[in-house]
Amino acid sequence: LLSGYHDRLLNDFHIDYQQNRFVLFPKRTDQNFRSVELQFKGNRLVFMRMIDTLGQSSMLHLSGVLVNAPIDPRLFQFKPPKGVDVMNHA
């Protein structure tokens, strides 16, 4: 749903719609979560709750989300710490 691979959703998840929220249950048992709950306001994600296989719940409330906003590439410059070897697999 978030990755853009909408055609795979029905293959990978049971999807339920409850109280303005989508609840996804993985069909495979080897997943790290029992369910993911998503709530949208228009086309923007505003709430997400993940329940893992131990029953632990993680909730995210999103606000001020900017879609496709320009990002300064300098924010993603990797500078390895001193003494770290970096291997290139080019």
PDB file of N, CA and C in Angstrom:
ATOM      1  N   LEU A   1       0.828  -1.193   0.000  1.00  0.00           N
ATOM      2  CA  LEU A   1       0.000   0.000   0.000  1.00  0.00           C
ATOM      3  C   LEU A   1       0.864   1.244   0.000  1.00  0.00           C
ATOM      4  N   LEU A   2       1.952   1.213   0.735  1.00  0.00           N
ATOM      5  CA  LEU A   2       2.845   2.375   0.791  1.00  0.00           C
ATOM      6  C   LEU A   2       3.948   2.300  -0.259  1.00  0.00           C
ATOM      7  N   SER A   3       4.291   1.108  -0.693  1.00  0.00           N
ATOM      8  CA  SER A   3       5.393   0.952  -1.634  1.00  0.00           C
ATOM      9  C   SER A   3       4.986   1.163  -3.075  1.00  0.00           C
ATOM     10  N   GLY A   4       3.694   1.158  -3.348  1.00  0.00           N
ATOM     11  CA  GLY A   4       3.231   1.345  -4.714  1.00  0.00           C
ATOM     12  C   GLY A   4       2.959   0.049  -5.446  1.00  0.00           C
ATOM     13  N   TYR A   5       3.222  -1.088  -4.836  1.00  0.00           N
ATOM     14  CA  TYR A   5       2.964  -2.383  -5.464  1.00  0.00           C
ATOM     15  C   TYR A   5       1.568  -2.861  -5.083  1.00  0.00           C
ATOM     16  N   HIS A   6       0.564  -2.122  -5.547  1.00  0.00           N
ATOM     17  CA  HIS A   6      -0.815  -2.412  -5.173  1.00  0.00           C
ATOM     18  C   HIS A   6      -1.285  -3.788  -5.630  1.00  0.00           C
ATOM     19  N   ASP A   7      -0.786  -4.255  -6.763  1.00  0.00           N
ATOM     20  CA  ASP A   7      -1.213  -5.552  -7.283  1.00  0.00           C
ATOM     21  C   ASP A   7      -0.779  -6.706  -6.383  1.00  0.00           C
ATOM     22  N   ARG A   8       0.286  -6.537  -5.621  1.00  0.00           N
ATOM     23  CA  ARG A   8       0.789  -7.599  -4.741  1.00  0.00           C
ATOM     24  C   ARG A   8       0.069  -7.646  -3.397  1.00  0.00           C
ATOM     25  N   LEU A   9      -0.648  -6.569  -3.063  1.00  0.00           N
ATOM     26  CA  LEU A   9      -1.302  -6.508  -1.754  1.00  0.00           C
ATOM     27  C   LEU A   9      -2.243  -7.679  -1.516  1.00  0.00           C
ATOM     28  N   LEU A  10      -3.107  -7.944  -2.469  1.00  0.00           N
ATOM     29  CA  LEU A  10      -4.085  -9.015  -2.285  1.00  0.00           C
ATOM     30  C   LEU A  10      -3.424 -10.382  -2.248  1.00  0.00           C
ATOM     31  N   ASN A  11      -2.278 -10.520  -2.881  1.00  0.00           N
ATOM     32  CA  ASN A  11      -1.548 -11.789  -2.826  1.00  0.00           C
ATOM     33  C   ASN A  11      -0.880 -12.006  -1.478  1.00  0.00           C
ATOM     34  N   ASP A  12      -0.423 -10.923  -0.866  1.00  0.00           N
ATOM     35  CA  ASP A  12       0.379 -11.024   0.351  1.00  0.00           C
ATOM     36  C   ASP A  12      -0.395 -10.797   1.649  1.00  0.00           C
ATOM     37  N   PHE A  13      -1.567 -10.137   1.552  1.00  0.00           N
ATOM     38  CA  PHE A  13      -2.290  -9.748   2.764  1.00  0.00           C
ATOM     39  C   PHE A  13      -3.787  -9.991   2.650  1.00  0.00           C
ATOM     40  N   HIS A  14      -4.383 -10.289   3.788  1.00  0.00           N
ATOM     41  CA  HIS A  14      -5.833 -10.196   3.939  1.00  0.00           C
ATOM     42  C   HIS A  14      -6.069  -8.746   4.347  1.00  0.00           C
ATOM     43  N   ILE A  15      -6.974  -8.067   3.680  1.00  0.00           N
ATOM     44  CA  ILE A  15      -7.199  -6.640   3.953  1.00  0.00           C
ATOM     45  C   ILE A  15      -8.616  -6.447   4.453  1.00  0.00           C
ATOM     46  N   ASP A  16      -8.725  -5.740   5.545  1.00  0.00           N
ATOM     47  CA  ASP A  16     -10.019  -5.428   6.139  1.00  0.00           C
ATOM     48  C   ASP A  16     -10.120  -3.910   6.261  1.00  0.00           C
ATOM     49  N   TYR A  17     -11.325  -3.413   6.162  1.00  0.00           N
ATOM     50  CA  TYR A  17     -11.551  -1.978   6.306  1.00  0.00           C
ATOM     51  C   TYR A  17     -12.434  -1.779   7.520  1.00  0.00           C
ATOM     52  N   GLN A  18     -11.884  -1.149   8.563  1.00  0.00           N
ATOM     53  CA  GLN A  18     -12.588  -0.980   9.835  1.00  0.00           C
ATOM     54  C   GLN A  18     -12.488   0.473  10.281  1.00  0.00           C
ATOM     55  N   GLN A  19     -13.604   1.118  10.487  1.00  0.00           N
ATOM     56  CA  GLN A  19     -13.641   2.467  11.071  1.00  0.00           C
ATOM     57  C   GLN A  19     -12.662   3.425  10.385  1.00  0.00           C
ATOM     58  N   ASN A  20     -12.770   3.543   9.075  1.00  0.00           N
ATOM     59  CA  ASN A  20     -11.924   4.430   8.276  1.00  0.00           C
ATOM     60  C   ASN A  20     -10.449   4.042   8.287  1.00  0.00           C
ATOM     61  N   ARG A  21     -10.158   2.800   8.606  1.00  0.00           N
ATOM     62  CA  ARG A  21      -8.777   2.336   8.617  1.00  0.00           C
ATOM     63  C   ARG A  21      -8.659   1.022   7.860  1.00  0.00           C
ATOM     64  N   PHE A  22      -7.550   0.877   7.171  1.00  0.00           N
ATOM     65  CA  PHE A  22      -7.237  -0.387   6.522  1.00  0.00           C
ATOM     66  C   PHE A  22      -6.426  -1.213   7.500  1.00  0.00           C
ATOM     67  N   VAL A  23      -6.782  -2.467   7.658  1.00  0.00           N
ATOM     68  CA  VAL A  23      -6.009  -3.367   8.511  1.00  0.00           C
ATOM     69  C   VAL A  23      -5.522  -4.501   7.621  1.00  0.00           C
ATOM     70  N   LEU A  24      -4.217  -4.680   7.576  1.00  0.00           N
ATOM     71  CA  LEU A  24      -3.594  -5.709   6.749  1.00  0.00           C
ATOM     72  C   LEU A  24      -3.061  -6.817   7.633  1.00  0.00           C
ATOM     73  N   PHE A  25      -3.413  -8.051   7.274  1.00  0.00           N
ATOM     74  CA  PHE A  25      -2.944  -9.238   7.980  1.00  0.00           C
ATOM     75  C   PHE A  25      -2.129 -10.062   6.989  1.00  0.00           C
ATOM     76  N   PRO A  26      -0.868 -10.345   7.301  1.00  0.00           N
ATOM     77  CA  PRO A  26      -0.047 -11.113   6.353  1.00  0.00           C
ATOM     78  C   PRO A  26      -0.575 -12.532   6.187  1.00  0.00           C
ATOM     79  N   LYS A  27      -0.542 -13.015   4.959  1.00  0.00           N
ATOM     80  CA  LYS A  27      -0.975 -14.384   4.673  1.00  0.00           C
ATOM     81  C   LYS A  27       0.106 -15.386   5.048  1.00  0.00           C
ATOM     82  N   ARG A  28       1.370 -14.970   4.960  1.00  0.00           N
ATOM     83  CA  ARG A  28       2.474 -15.872   5.318  1.00  0.00           C
ATOM     84  C   ARG A  28       2.730 -15.794   6.815  1.00  0.00           C
ATOM     85  N   THR A  29       3.102 -16.894   7.394  1.00  0.00           N
ATOM     86  CA  THR A  29       3.332 -16.949   8.836  1.00  0.00           C
ATOM     87  C   THR A  29       4.758 -16.556   9.230  1.00  0.00           C
ATOM     88  N   ASP A  30       5.625 -16.334   8.254  1.00  0.00           N
ATOM     89  CA  ASP A  30       7.019 -16.001   8.571  1.00  0.00           C
ATOM     90  C   ASP A  30       7.260 -14.487   8.647  1.00  0.00           C
ATOM     91  N   GLN A  31       6.211 -13.714   8.765  1.00  0.00           N
ATOM     92  CA  GLN A  31       6.337 -12.260   8.879  1.00  0.00           C
ATOM     93  C   GLN A  31       6.645 -11.860  10.323  1.00  0.00           C
ATOM     94  N   ASN A  32       7.157 -10.664  10.514  1.00  0.00           N
ATOM     95  CA  ASN A  32       7.513 -10.166  11.843  1.00  0.00           C
ATOM     96  C   ASN A  32       6.369  -9.436  12.522  1.00  0.00           C
ATOM     97  N   PHE A  33       5.201  -9.428  11.914  1.00  0.00           N
ATOM     98  CA  PHE A  33       4.080  -8.715  12.505  1.00  0.00           C
ATOM     99  C   PHE A  33       2.781  -9.475  12.276  1.00  0.00           C
ATOM    100  N   ARG A  34       1.832  -9.243  13.173  1.00  0.00           N
ATOM    101  CA  ARG A  34       0.502  -9.838  13.057  1.00  0.00           C
ATOM    102  C   ARG A  34      -0.417  -8.991  12.192  1.00  0.00           C
ATOM    103  N   SER A  35      -0.290  -7.672  12.332  1.00  0.00           N
ATOM    104  CA  SER A  35      -1.142  -6.783  11.545  1.00  0.00           C
ATOM    105  C   SER A  35      -0.513  -5.403  11.435  1.00  0.00           C
ATOM    106  N   VAL A  36      -0.946  -4.691  10.409  1.00  0.00           N
ATOM    107  CA  VAL A  36      -0.571  -3.298  10.204  1.00  0.00           C
ATOM    108  C   VAL A  36      -1.867  -2.551   9.926  1.00  0.00           C
ATOM    109  N   GLU A  37      -2.060  -1.490  10.663  1.00  0.00           N
ATOM    110  CA  GLU A  37      -3.271  -0.679  10.536  1.00  0.00           C
ATOM    111  C   GLU A  37      -2.873   0.679   9.972  1.00  0.00           C
ATOM    112  N   LEU A  38      -3.571   1.119   8.932  1.00  0.00           N
ATOM    113  CA  LEU A  38      -3.245   2.377   8.263  1.00  0.00           C
ATOM    114  C   LEU A  38      -4.483   3.250   8.183  1.00  0.00           C
ATOM    115  N   GLN A  39      -4.317   4.527   8.481  1.00  0.00           N
ATOM    116  CA  GLN A  39      -5.422   5.468   8.343  1.00  0.00           C
ATOM    117  C   GLN A  39      -4.953   6.629   7.474  1.00  0.00           C
ATOM    118  N   PHE A  40      -5.795   7.011   6.540  1.00  0.00           N
ATOM    119  CA  PHE A  40      -5.478   8.089   5.616  1.00  0.00           C
ATOM    120  C   PHE A  40      -6.457   9.240   5.803  1.00  0.00           C
ATOM    121  N   LYS A  41      -5.968  10.420   5.536  1.00  0.00           N
ATOM    122  CA  LYS A  41      -6.818  11.606   5.448  1.00  0.00           C
ATOM    123  C   LYS A  41      -6.628  12.096   4.020  1.00  0.00           C
ATOM    124  N   GLY A  42      -7.636  11.885   3.186  1.00  0.00           N
ATOM    125  CA  GLY A  42      -7.450  12.096   1.758  1.00  0.00           C
ATOM    126  C   GLY A  42      -6.491  11.039   1.257  1.00  0.00           C
ATOM    127  N   ASN A  43      -5.415  11.453   0.614  1.00  0.00           N
ATOM    128  CA  ASN A  43      -4.420  10.483   0.132  1.00  0.00           C
ATOM    129  C   ASN A  43      -3.151  10.480   0.982  1.00  0.00           C
ATOM    130  N   ARG A  44      -3.212  11.081   2.159  1.00  0.00           N
ATOM    131  CA  ARG A  44      -2.034  11.143   3.035  1.00  0.00           C
ATOM    132  C   ARG A  44      -2.194  10.226   4.240  1.00  0.00           C
ATOM    133  N   LEU A  45      -1.144   9.477   4.499  1.00  0.00           N
ATOM    134  CA  LEU A  45      -1.111   8.609   5.664  1.00  0.00           C
ATOM    135  C   LEU A  45      -0.988   9.466   6.920  1.00  0.00           C
ATOM    136  N   VAL A  46      -1.894   9.264   7.891  1.00  0.00           N
ATOM    137  CA  VAL A  46      -1.853  10.057   9.119  1.00  0.00           C
ATOM    138  C   VAL A  46      -1.648   9.193  10.367  1.00  0.00           C
ATOM    139  N   PHE A  47      -1.876   7.881  10.241  1.00  0.00           N
ATOM    140  CA  PHE A  47      -1.743   7.002  11.408  1.00  0.00           C
ATOM    141  C   PHE A  47      -1.329   5.615  10.941  1.00  0.00           C
ATOM    142  N   MET A  48      -0.455   4.998  11.721  1.00  0.00           N
ATOM    143  CA  MET A  48      -0.031   3.631  11.426  1.00  0.00           C
ATOM    144  C   MET A  48       0.226   2.918  12.746  1.00  0.00           C
ATOM    145  N   ARG A  49      -0.305   1.699  12.850  1.00  0.00           N
ATOM    146  CA  ARG A  49      -0.036   0.867  14.030  1.00  0.00           C
ATOM    147  C   ARG A  49       0.383  -0.508  13.540  1.00  0.00           C
ATOM    148  N   MET A  50       1.488  -0.987  14.095  1.00  0.00           N
ATOM    149  CA  MET A  50       1.985  -2.314  13.772  1.00  0.00           C
ATOM    150  C   MET A  50       1.943  -3.154  15.043  1.00  0.00           C
ATOM    151  N   ILE A  51       1.419  -4.349  14.917  1.00  0.00           N
ATOM    152  CA  ILE A  51       1.420  -5.279  16.048  1.00  0.00           C
ATOM    153  C   ILE A  51       2.300  -6.449  15.645  1.00  0.00           C
ATOM    154  N   ASP A  52       3.357  -6.669  16.427  1.00  0.00           N
ATOM    155  CA  ASP A  52       4.301  -7.727  16.082  1.00  0.00           C
ATOM    156  C   ASP A  52       3.821  -9.079  16.577  1.00  0.00           C
ATOM    157  N   THR A  53       4.603 -10.096  16.313  1.00  0.00           N
ATOM    158  CA  THR A  53       4.204 -11.466  16.652  1.00  0.00           C
ATOM    159  C   THR A  53       4.169 -11.726  18.147  1.00  0.00           C
ATOM    160  N   LEU A  54       4.763 -10.846  18.946  1.00  0.00           N
ATOM    161  CA  LEU A  54       4.707 -10.980  20.404  1.00  0.00           C
ATOM    162  C   LEU A  54       3.555 -10.170  21.008  1.00  0.00           C
ATOM    163  N   GLY A  55       2.802  -9.466  20.140  1.00  0.00           N
ATOM    164  CA  GLY A  55       1.681  -8.663  20.615  1.00  0.00           C
ATOM    165  C   GLY A  55       2.054  -7.237  20.974  1.00  0.00           C
ATOM    166  N   GLN A  56       3.320  -6.867  20.763  1.00  0.00           N
ATOM    167  CA  GLN A  56       3.756  -5.499  21.034  1.00  0.00           C
ATOM    168  C   GLN A  56       3.206  -4.575  19.953  1.00  0.00           C
ATOM    169  N   SER A  57       2.760  -3.394  20.362  1.00  0.00           N
ATOM    170  CA  SER A  57       2.152  -2.444  19.437  1.00  0.00           C
ATOM    171  C   SER A  57       3.024  -1.207  19.300  1.00  0.00           C
ATOM    172  N   SER A  58       3.252  -0.775  18.062  1.00  0.00           N
ATOM    173  CA  SER A  58       3.969   0.465  17.773  1.00  0.00           C
ATOM    174  C   SER A  58       3.021   1.352  16.989  1.00  0.00           C
ATOM    175  N   MET A  59       2.809   2.585  17.483  1.00  0.00           N
ATOM    176  CA  MET A  59       1.898   3.508  16.815  1.00  0.00           C
ATOM    177  C   MET A  59       2.644   4.745  16.350  1.00  0.00           C
ATOM    178  N   LEU A  60       2.305   5.191  15.161  1.00  0.00           N
ATOM    179  CA  LEU A  60       2.890   6.396  14.588  1.00  0.00           C
ATOM    180  C   LEU A  60       1.760   7.330  14.178  1.00  0.00           C
ATOM    181  N   HIS A  61       1.813   8.563  14.634  1.00  0.00           N
ATOM    182  CA  HIS A  61       0.888   9.604  14.201  1.00  0.00           C
ATOM    183  C   HIS A  61       1.711  10.561  13.347  1.00  0.00           C
ATOM    184  N   LEU A  62       1.312  10.742  12.101  1.00  0.00           N
ATOM    185  CA  LEU A  62       2.078  11.564  11.177  1.00  0.00           C
ATOM    186  C   LEU A  62       1.369  12.893  10.941  1.00  0.00           C
ATOM    187  N   SER A  63       2.122  13.968  10.988  1.00  0.00           N
ATOM    188  CA  SER A  63       1.569  15.291  10.712  1.00  0.00           C
ATOM    189  C   SER A  63       2.625  16.110   9.976  1.00  0.00           C
ATOM    190  N   GLY A  64       2.175  17.088   9.249  1.00  0.00           N
ATOM    191  CA  GLY A  64       3.099  17.939   8.511  1.00  0.00           C
ATOM    192  C   GLY A  64       3.863  17.199   7.437  1.00  0.00           C
ATOM    193  N   VAL A  65       3.292  16.144   6.902  1.00  0.00           N
ATOM    194  CA  VAL A  65       3.969  15.335   5.885  1.00  0.00           C
ATOM    195  C   VAL A  65       3.986  16.099   4.565  1.00  0.00           C
ATOM    196  N   LEU A  66       5.144  16.186   3.959  1.00  0.00           N
ATOM    197  CA  LEU A  66       5.297  16.808   2.648  1.00  0.00           C
ATOM    198  C   LEU A  66       5.553  15.709   1.628  1.00  0.00           C
ATOM    199  N   VAL A  67       4.727  15.653   0.616  1.00  0.00           N
ATOM    200  CA  VAL A  67       4.860  14.621  -0.419  1.00  0.00           C
ATOM    201  C   VAL A  67       5.709  15.164  -1.559  1.00  0.00           C
ATOM    202  N   ASN A  68       6.731  14.415  -1.910  1.00  0.00           N
ATOM    203  CA  ASN A  68       7.634  14.748  -3.020  1.00  0.00           C
ATOM    204  C   ASN A  68       8.299  16.112  -2.850  1.00  0.00           C
ATOM    205  N   ALA A  69       8.561  16.499  -1.623  1.00  0.00           N
ATOM    206  CA  ALA A  69       9.271  17.756  -1.375  1.00  0.00           C
ATOM    207  C   ALA A  69      10.739  17.575  -1.747  1.00  0.00           C
ATOM    208  N   PRO A  70      11.368  18.605  -2.279  1.00  0.00           N
ATOM    209  CA  PRO A  70      12.791  18.477  -2.607  1.00  0.00           C
ATOM    210  C   PRO A  70      13.616  18.249  -1.340  1.00  0.00           C
ATOM    211  N   ILE A  71      14.617  17.399  -1.465  1.00  0.00           N
ATOM    212  CA  ILE A  71      15.490  17.071  -0.335  1.00  0.00           C
ATOM    213  C   ILE A  71      16.925  17.418  -0.720  1.00  0.00           C
ATOM    214  N   ASP A  72      17.578  18.140   0.133  1.00  0.00           N
ATOM    215  CA  ASP A  72      18.964  18.530  -0.100  1.00  0.00           C
ATOM    216  C   ASP A  72      19.838  17.277  -0.095  1.00  0.00           C
ATOM    217  N   PRO A  73      20.530  16.968  -1.195  1.00  0.00           N
ATOM    218  CA  PRO A  73      21.363  15.757  -1.256  1.00  0.00           C
ATOM    219  C   PRO A  73      22.467  15.727  -0.209  1.00  0.00           C
ATOM    220  N   ARG A  74      22.836  16.883   0.342  1.00  0.00           N
ATOM    221  CA  ARG A  74      23.869  16.905   1.382  1.00  0.00           C
ATOM    222  C   ARG A  74      23.417  16.191   2.647  1.00  0.00           C
ATOM    223  N   LEU A  75      22.104  16.007   2.815  1.00  0.00           N
ATOM    224  CA  LEU A  75      21.601  15.283   3.980  1.00  0.00           C
ATOM    225  C   LEU A  75      21.955  13.803   3.938  1.00  0.00           C
ATOM    226  N   PHE A  76      22.337  13.300   2.762  1.00  0.00           N
ATOM    227  CA  PHE A  76      22.590  11.881   2.589  1.00  0.00           C
ATOM    228  C   PHE A  76      24.044  11.573   2.263  1.00  0.00           C
ATOM    229  N   GLN A  77      24.943  12.413   2.687  1.00  0.00           N
ATOM    230  CA  GLN A  77      26.357  12.148   2.483  1.00  0.00           C
ATOM    231  C   GLN A  77      26.857  11.238   3.594  1.00  0.00           C
ATOM    232  N   PHE A  78      27.469  10.143   3.193  1.00  0.00           N
ATOM    233  CA  PHE A  78      27.976   9.178   4.162  1.00  0.00           C
ATOM    234  C   PHE A  78      29.449   9.456   4.429  1.00  0.00           C
ATOM    235  N   LYS A  79      29.764   9.652   5.690  1.00  0.00           N
ATOM    236  CA  LYS A  79      31.152   9.838   6.105  1.00  0.00           C
ATOM    237  C   LYS A  79      31.448   8.745   7.122  1.00  0.00           C
ATOM    238  N   PRO A  80      32.212   7.737   6.698  1.00  0.00           N
ATOM    239  CA  PRO A  80      32.490   6.635   7.628  1.00  0.00           C
ATOM    240  C   PRO A  80      33.322   7.116   8.812  1.00  0.00           C
ATOM    241  N   PRO A  81      33.052   6.567   9.973  1.00  0.00           N
ATOM    242  CA  PRO A  81      33.862   6.915  11.149  1.00  0.00           C
ATOM    243  C   PRO A  81      35.313   6.492  10.949  1.00  0.00           C
ATOM    244  N   LYS A  82      36.191   7.153  11.655  1.00  0.00           N
ATOM    245  CA  LYS A  82      37.618   6.839  11.579  1.00  0.00           C
ATOM    246  C   LYS A  82      37.859   5.380  11.951  1.00  0.00           C
ATOM    247  N   GLY A  83      38.666   4.691  11.154  1.00  0.00           N
ATOM    248  CA  GLY A  83      39.000   3.301  11.427  1.00  0.00           C
ATOM    249  C   GLY A  83      38.032   2.294  10.804  1.00  0.00           C
ATOM    250  N   VAL A  84      37.030   2.762  10.074  1.00  0.00           N
ATOM    251  CA  VAL A  84      36.058   1.856   9.446  1.00  0.00           C
ATOM    252  C   VAL A  84      36.456   1.628   7.995  1.00  0.00           C
ATOM    253  N   ASP A  85      36.477   0.365   7.556  1.00  0.00           N
ATOM    254  CA  ASP A  85      36.745   0.039   6.164  1.00  0.00           C
ATOM    255  C   ASP A  85      35.435   0.031   5.393  1.00  0.00           C
ATOM    256  N   VAL A  86      35.433   0.651   4.221  1.00  0.00           N
ATOM    257  CA  VAL A  86      34.260   0.666   3.366  1.00  0.00           C
ATOM    258  C   VAL A  86      34.580  -0.127   2.109  1.00  0.00           C
ATOM    259  N   MET A  87      33.730  -1.078   1.794  1.00  0.00           N
ATOM    260  CA  MET A  87      33.933  -1.918   0.618  1.00  0.00           C
ATOM    261  C   MET A  87      32.947  -1.519  -0.463  1.00  0.00           C
ATOM    262  N   ASN A  88      33.427  -1.367  -1.671  1.00  0.00           N
ATOM    263  CA  ASN A  88      32.576  -1.033  -2.811  1.00  0.00           C
ATOM    264  C   ASN A  88      32.336  -2.295  -3.629  1.00  0.00           C
ATOM    265  N   HIS A  89      31.100  -2.585  -3.948  1.00  0.00           N
ATOM    266  CA  HIS A  89      30.757  -3.754  -4.766  1.00  0.00           C
ATOM    267  C   HIS A  89      30.236  -3.258  -6.112  1.00  0.00           C
ATOM    268  N   ALA A  90      31.079  -2.559  -6.829  1.00  0.00           N
ATOM    269  CA  ALA A  90      30.651  -1.999  -8.111  1.00  0.00           C
ATOM    270  C   ALA A  90      31.026  -2.892  -9.245  1.00  0.00           C
TER     271      ALA A  90
END
